[in-house]
Amino acid sequence: RSVWQETRRELQQLLGAASSKRDRLMSAVQPLYEVDMLLPFTVTGFTDFYASPYHARVHQFPAWWHLPMAYNGRASSVVVSGTPLYRPCGQFLSDRGTPTFGPSRAIDFELEVGIVIGPGNAHGDSIALQDAENHIFGFVLLNDWSARDIQGWEMQPLGPFLGKSFCTTISPWVVTVEALEAFRIENPPQEPEPLEYLRHEGSGVPSFDIELEVELLPEHGLGELVCKSNFKYVYWSPDQLVTHHASNGCPLRTGDLLGTGTVSGPADEARGCMAEWRRTGKRMGPRGFLQDGDTVVMRGYCRSG
């Protein structure tokens, strides 16, 4: 972590207005609209958690309040923002209630934040909670696309498979922990109190105040802001996700990606996926899910002061 911090400070100094080397360095800078953004790192593994109680309330289990629940996704289908999404095929129930195979009719977005692992741990070793942040390089925006009809038919009893594995999109920028220092907050203490290996010292649970938004732009028509949420609604801290993941000796590797799960909040405007809109009666399109030609834009930002 000290190397990451020193590199960040050096770059800030070199590119600062008072730097004698700034002009020479700026000659190598290209306008953003002239470059193609690529995946910011090689994704070595992908695990998606289920860490917001406002999203999990539909299917909460007793263990949810005691440990961060997750499933293993596919690193091979993680793509950079801007990559076109195809409509996946799969098996689901037809309108007659019988199994059928074809293109999904229920494509949904999921507003998430991704945790990018820096150094990992050896196979058989765990990661102590107080050391977990040293294993986190930074954060990305993450959209874990979901085919709800395929997912709903296949996931009992082992969880999602083809309804999730077709595509996950991440932002091309990794925001480091150091860049978020000014936006640290504490969430209320967790009840029930976690077991000792997941228990934060102090009065609260560390988090970050990161505003999150989703805008939906139909192929023909005006865009609409359909979600306003915040990272603080994630119940389990990033450190707890890392520690629990490695608690059985599972080796995390540099480039592993841990998704928070859908970051939903308590208000109706903070529903982080279209499946949740059904509880409020909100619909988008004739089937209530994404239509061909739609564009989903996710934003994350912090407010100063």
Protein backbone atom coordinates (compact mmCIF):
# COMPACT_ATOMS: atom_id res chain seq x y z
CA ARG A 1 0.00 0.00 0.00
CA SER A 2 2.86 2.39 0.72
CA VAL A 3 4.02 2.01 -2.90
CA TRP A 4 0.52 2.81 -4.22
CA GLN A 5 0.36 5.87 -1.98
CA GLU A 6 3.78 7.14 -3.01
CA THR A 7 3.03 6.61 -6.72
CA ARG A 8 -0.23 8.56 -6.40
CA ARG A 9 1.51 11.45 -4.60
CA GLU A 10 4.28 11.55 -7.21
CA LEU A 11 1.81 11.67 -10.11
CA GLN A 12 -0.17 14.43 -8.42
CA GLN A 13 2.99 16.48 -7.94
CA LEU A 14 4.19 15.91 -11.51
CA LEU A 15 0.83 16.92 -13.00
CA GLY A 16 0.19 19.80 -10.59
CA ALA A 17 0.04 23.38 -11.86
CA ALA A 18 3.34 24.24 -10.14
CA SER A 19 5.28 21.30 -11.58
CA SER A 20 8.20 22.18 -13.85
CA LYS A 21 7.65 18.91 -15.72
CA ARG A 22 3.92 19.36 -16.28
CA ASP A 23 4.12 20.78 -19.81
CA ARG A 24 6.38 17.98 -20.98
CA LEU A 25 4.13 15.35 -19.45
CA MET A 26 0.96 16.92 -20.84
CA SER A 27 2.35 16.54 -24.37
CA ALA A 28 1.84 12.79 -23.95
CA VAL A 29 -1.78 13.13 -22.80
CA GLN A 30 -4.50 12.20 -25.29
CA PRO A 31 -8.09 13.56 -25.24
CA LEU A 32 -10.49 11.02 -23.82
CA TYR A 33 -12.70 11.08 -26.92
CA GLU A 34 -9.74 9.96 -29.06
CA VAL A 35 -8.95 6.78 -27.15
CA ASP A 36 -10.67 3.43 -26.66
CA MET A 37 -11.03 2.53 -22.99
CA LEU A 38 -10.04 -1.03 -22.11
CA LEU A 39 -10.46 -3.26 -19.08
CA PRO A 40 -8.36 -1.57 -16.38
CA PHE A 41 -6.95 -4.89 -15.12
CA THR A 42 -7.01 -8.58 -15.91
CA VAL A 43 -9.91 -10.06 -13.94
CA THR A 44 -8.61 -13.26 -12.38
CA GLY A 45 -11.78 -14.20 -10.50
CA PHE A 46 -15.24 -12.77 -9.83
CA THR A 47 -17.36 -13.18 -6.71
CA ASP A 48 -20.67 -11.38 -6.30
CA PHE A 49 -21.95 -10.65 -2.80
CA TYR A 50 -25.47 -9.87 -1.57
CA ALA A 51 -24.61 -7.15 0.91
CA SER A 52 -27.43 -4.56 0.89
CA PRO A 53 -30.33 -5.37 3.24
CA TYR A 54 -32.66 -3.21 1.16
CA HIS A 55 -32.07 -5.50 -1.80
CA ALA A 56 -31.81 -8.72 0.20
CA ARG A 57 -35.09 -8.17 2.07
CA VAL A 58 -36.97 -10.08 -0.61
CA HIS A 59 -35.11 -13.32 0.11
CA GLN A 60 -33.43 -12.88 3.48
CA PHE A 61 -32.26 -15.97 5.27
CA PRO A 62 -31.25 -16.21 8.96
CA ALA A 63 -27.54 -16.45 8.06
CA TRP A 64 -27.65 -13.15 6.12
CA TRP A 65 -27.22 -11.07 9.29
CA HIS A 66 -24.24 -13.17 10.42
CA LEU A 67 -22.08 -13.46 7.30
CA PRO A 68 -21.68 -11.87 3.83
CA MET A 69 -23.49 -14.14 1.35
CA ALA A 70 -22.07 -14.55 -2.17
CA TYR A 71 -21.81 -16.75 -5.24
CA ASN A 72 -18.94 -17.24 -7.68
CA GLY A 73 -19.46 -15.64 -11.10
CA ARG A 74 -17.50 -15.80 -14.34
CA ALA A 75 -14.36 -13.69 -14.77
CA SER A 76 -14.34 -14.56 -18.48
CA SER A 77 -17.48 -12.51 -19.19
CA VAL A 78 -16.43 -9.32 -17.36
CA VAL A 79 -16.22 -6.51 -19.95
CA VAL A 80 -15.42 -2.81 -19.95
CA SER A 81 -18.10 -0.11 -20.00
CA GLY A 82 -19.33 0.60 -23.54
CA THR A 83 -19.22 -3.03 -24.69
CA PRO A 84 -22.54 -3.84 -26.42
CA LEU A 85 -24.76 -6.32 -24.60
CA TYR A 86 -26.42 -9.16 -26.48
CA ARG A 87 -29.67 -10.74 -25.35
CA PRO A 88 -28.70 -14.16 -23.96
CA CYS A 89 -30.55 -17.37 -24.66
CA GLY A 90 -31.54 -19.78 -21.95
CA GLN A 91 -34.25 -21.95 -20.47
CA PHE A 92 -37.19 -20.35 -18.67
CA LEU A 93 -40.89 -20.85 -18.10
CA SER A 94 -43.17 -19.86 -20.96
CA ASP A 95 -46.44 -17.98 -20.52
CA ARG A 96 -48.11 -21.41 -20.38
CA GLY A 97 -45.93 -22.41 -17.42
CA THR A 98 -43.88 -24.98 -19.37
CA PRO A 99 -40.08 -24.87 -19.91
CA THR A 100 -38.91 -23.26 -23.16
CA PHE A 101 -35.59 -22.14 -24.63
CA GLY A 102 -34.93 -18.82 -26.32
CA PRO A 103 -33.76 -15.23 -25.90
CA SER A 104 -34.39 -13.84 -22.43
CA ARG A 105 -37.39 -11.53 -22.14
CA ALA A 106 -36.35 -10.09 -18.78
CA ILE A 107 -32.93 -8.39 -18.99
CA ASP A 108 -32.19 -6.31 -15.90
CA PHE A 109 -29.34 -4.15 -14.65
CA GLU A 110 -27.86 -4.30 -11.14
CA LEU A 111 -26.18 -1.23 -9.64
CA GLU A 112 -23.09 -2.42 -7.79
CA VAL A 113 -19.61 -1.37 -6.70
CA GLY A 114 -16.68 -3.70 -7.42
CA ILE A 115 -13.72 -4.19 -5.09
CA VAL A 116 -10.41 -4.78 -6.88
CA ILE A 117 -7.94 -6.99 -5.01
CA GLY A 118 -4.27 -5.94 -4.91
CA PRO A 119 -2.07 -8.48 -3.14
CA GLY A 120 -3.73 -11.77 -2.35
CA ASN A 121 -3.14 -14.47 0.25
CA ALA A 122 -1.49 -17.87 0.07
CA HIS A 123 -3.67 -20.95 -0.25
CA GLY A 124 -4.59 -21.99 3.28
CA ASP A 125 -3.98 -18.56 4.82
CA SER A 126 -6.70 -16.18 5.94
CA ILE A 127 -6.81 -12.36 5.97
CA ALA A 128 -7.37 -10.64 9.32
CA LEU A 129 -10.02 -7.92 9.34
CA GLN A 130 -7.54 -5.26 10.48
CA ASP A 131 -5.29 -6.12 7.52
CA ALA A 132 -8.00 -6.48 4.86
CA GLU A 133 -7.77 -2.92 3.50
CA ASN A 134 -4.13 -3.53 2.58
CA HIS A 135 -5.44 -6.11 0.10
CA ILE A 136 -7.87 -3.65 -1.58
CA PHE A 137 -6.38 -1.67 -4.48
CA GLY A 138 -9.53 0.26 -5.30
CA PHE A 139 -13.11 0.31 -6.53
CA VAL A 140 -15.00 0.28 -9.84
CA LEU A 141 -18.62 0.73 -10.83
CA LEU A 142 -20.14 -2.65 -11.67
CA ASN A 143 -23.28 -3.71 -13.52
CA ASP A 144 -24.07 -7.39 -13.00
CA TRP A 145 -26.52 -7.88 -15.86
CA SER A 146 -29.25 -10.37 -15.06
CA ALA A 147 -31.69 -12.42 -17.13
CA ARG A 148 -34.46 -12.65 -14.55
CA ASP A 149 -36.57 -15.26 -16.34
CA ILE A 150 -33.60 -17.61 -16.78
CA GLN A 151 -32.38 -16.90 -13.25
CA GLY A 152 -35.77 -17.48 -11.67
CA TRP A 153 -36.18 -20.90 -13.28
CA GLU A 154 -32.67 -22.25 -12.70
CA MET A 155 -31.51 -20.95 -9.33
CA GLN A 156 -33.21 -23.32 -6.87
CA PRO A 157 -31.45 -24.86 -5.02
CA LEU A 158 -27.87 -23.93 -6.03
CA GLY A 159 -28.23 -20.26 -6.97
CA PRO A 160 -27.80 -18.31 -10.24
CA PHE A 161 -25.89 -19.70 -13.22
CA LEU A 162 -26.67 -18.84 -16.85
CA GLY A 163 -28.98 -16.02 -15.79
CA LYS A 164 -25.91 -14.13 -14.59
CA SER A 165 -22.83 -15.52 -16.32
CA PHE A 166 -23.42 -13.99 -19.76
CA CYS A 167 -22.00 -10.52 -18.93
CA THR A 168 -20.78 -8.23 -16.15
CA THR A 169 -19.70 -4.66 -16.99
CA ILE A 170 -17.19 -2.57 -15.03
CA SER A 171 -15.97 1.00 -15.42
CA PRO A 172 -12.56 1.60 -17.07
CA TRP A 173 -11.36 3.63 -14.07
CA VAL A 174 -10.25 2.19 -10.73
CA VAL A 175 -10.71 4.68 -7.87
CA THR A 176 -8.11 3.95 -5.20
CA VAL A 177 -8.81 3.79 -1.48
CA GLU A 178 -6.57 6.84 -1.01
CA ALA A 179 -8.75 8.91 -3.34
CA LEU A 180 -11.74 8.20 -1.09
CA GLU A 181 -10.08 9.06 2.24
CA ALA A 182 -12.01 12.33 2.63
CA PHE A 183 -15.32 10.52 2.21
CA ARG A 184 -15.00 7.88 4.92
CA ILE A 185 -18.05 7.50 7.17
CA GLU A 186 -19.22 5.11 9.84
CA ASN A 187 -22.41 3.13 9.53
CA PRO A 188 -24.30 2.14 12.70
CA PRO A 189 -23.12 -0.92 14.66
CA GLN A 190 -24.25 -4.23 13.20
CA GLU A 191 -27.01 -6.13 14.99
CA PRO A 192 -26.61 -8.92 15.82
CA GLU A 193 -22.94 -8.38 16.58
CA PRO A 194 -20.81 -10.34 14.08
CA LEU A 195 -18.54 -13.13 15.17
CA GLU A 196 -15.10 -12.00 16.31
CA TYR A 197 -13.31 -12.51 12.98
CA LEU A 198 -15.80 -10.09 11.31
CA ARG A 199 -16.10 -7.62 14.19
CA HIS A 200 -14.87 -4.07 13.64
CA GLU A 201 -13.36 -2.27 16.59
CA GLY A 202 -15.01 1.01 17.58
CA SER A 203 -18.58 2.21 17.59
CA GLY A 204 -19.53 1.72 13.95
CA VAL A 205 -18.83 0.00 10.65
CA PRO A 206 -16.47 1.81 8.22
CA SER A 207 -17.87 2.76 4.82
CA PHE A 208 -17.72 5.50 2.19
CA ASP A 209 -20.22 8.22 1.24
CA ILE A 210 -20.42 7.58 -2.52
CA GLU A 211 -23.49 8.80 -4.42
CA LEU A 212 -24.66 6.30 -7.04
CA GLU A 213 -27.05 6.91 -9.94
CA VAL A 214 -28.56 5.01 -12.86
CA GLU A 215 -29.89 6.72 -15.97
CA LEU A 216 -31.88 4.80 -18.57
CA LEU A 217 -31.82 6.04 -22.15
CA PRO A 218 -34.24 4.37 -24.59
CA GLU A 219 -33.19 4.08 -28.22
CA HIS A 220 -35.79 6.67 -29.18
CA GLY A 221 -36.69 9.17 -26.49
CA LEU A 222 -35.34 11.09 -23.54
CA GLY A 223 -33.24 9.62 -20.77
CA GLU A 224 -34.64 9.17 -17.26
CA LEU A 225 -32.84 9.05 -13.91
CA VAL A 226 -34.25 5.83 -12.51
CA CYS A 227 -32.15 5.27 -9.38
CA LYS A 228 -30.36 7.41 -6.76
CA SER A 229 -28.61 5.33 -4.13
CA ASN A 230 -25.44 5.41 -2.02
CA PHE A 231 -22.61 3.03 -1.19
CA LYS A 232 -23.34 3.54 2.53
CA TYR A 233 -26.37 1.26 2.17
CA VAL A 234 -24.04 -1.74 1.85
CA TYR A 235 -24.36 -3.48 5.23
CA TRP A 236 -21.07 -5.41 5.19
CA SER A 237 -17.89 -3.34 4.86
CA PRO A 238 -15.37 -3.97 2.05
CA ASP A 239 -12.94 -5.27 4.69
CA GLN A 240 -15.53 -7.76 5.94
CA LEU A 241 -16.16 -9.03 2.41
CA VAL A 242 -12.44 -9.63 1.86
CA THR A 243 -11.92 -11.24 5.28
CA HIS A 244 -14.91 -13.57 4.97
CA HIS A 245 -13.93 -14.60 1.44
CA ALA A 246 -10.49 -15.72 2.64
CA SER A 247 -11.59 -17.07 6.03
CA ASN A 248 -11.59 -20.69 4.86
CA GLY A 249 -8.12 -20.39 3.33
CA CYS A 250 -9.37 -19.60 -0.18
CA PRO A 251 -6.57 -17.75 -2.00
CA LEU A 252 -7.48 -14.32 -3.35
CA ARG A 253 -5.33 -13.22 -6.29
CA THR A 254 -4.24 -9.90 -7.69
CA GLY A 255 -7.00 -8.82 -10.05
CA ASP A 256 -9.83 -10.62 -8.28
CA LEU A 257 -13.11 -8.71 -8.45
CA LEU A 258 -15.62 -8.73 -5.58
CA GLY A 259 -19.04 -7.25 -6.31
CA THR A 260 -21.09 -5.79 -3.46
CA GLY A 261 -24.38 -7.00 -4.85
CA THR A 262 -27.16 -4.57 -5.78
CA VAL A 263 -26.75 -1.32 -3.82
CA SER A 264 -30.34 -0.46 -2.99
CA GLY A 265 -31.47 2.02 -0.34
CA PRO A 266 -34.57 2.54 1.81
CA ALA A 267 -36.34 5.00 -0.52
CA ASP A 268 -38.32 4.04 -3.61
CA GLU A 269 -35.92 6.07 -5.76
CA ALA A 270 -33.01 3.95 -4.47
CA ARG A 271 -34.08 0.65 -6.07
CA GLY A 272 -30.86 -0.64 -7.65
CA CYS A 273 -32.45 -2.98 -10.20
CA MET A 274 -35.64 -3.21 -12.22
CA ALA A 275 -36.81 -6.36 -10.44
CA GLU A 276 -37.27 -4.27 -7.30
CA TRP A 277 -39.45 -1.74 -9.12
CA ARG A 278 -42.30 -4.25 -9.14
CA ARG A 279 -42.77 -3.60 -5.44
CA THR A 280 -43.47 0.07 -6.17
CA GLY A 281 -45.55 -0.52 -9.31
CA LYS A 282 -42.96 1.19 -11.53
CA ARG A 283 -42.45 -0.31 -14.98
CA MET A 284 -40.20 0.45 -17.92
CA GLY A 285 -41.39 -0.95 -21.22
CA PRO A 286 -44.17 -3.44 -21.94
CA ARG A 287 -42.57 -6.22 -19.90
CA GLY A 288 -41.05 -4.08 -17.18
CA PHE A 289 -37.45 -4.88 -18.19
CA LEU A 290 -34.84 -3.57 -20.62
CA GLN A 291 -35.71 -3.36 -24.30
CA ASP A 292 -33.48 -3.73 -27.36
CA GLY A 293 -31.64 -0.45 -27.98
CA ASP A 294 -31.74 0.76 -24.37
CA THR A 295 -28.59 2.28 -22.84
CA VAL A 296 -27.87 2.05 -19.10
CA VAL A 297 -25.58 4.71 -17.61
CA MET A 298 -24.22 4.32 -14.09
CA ARG A 299 -22.46 7.13 -12.21
CA GLY A 300 -20.62 7.33 -8.92
CA TYR A 301 -19.36 10.51 -7.27
CA CYS A 302 -18.50 12.02 -3.90
CA ARG A 303 -19.53 15.49 -2.72
CA SER A 304 -17.00 17.76 -1.03
CA GLY A 305 -17.97 19.39 2.25
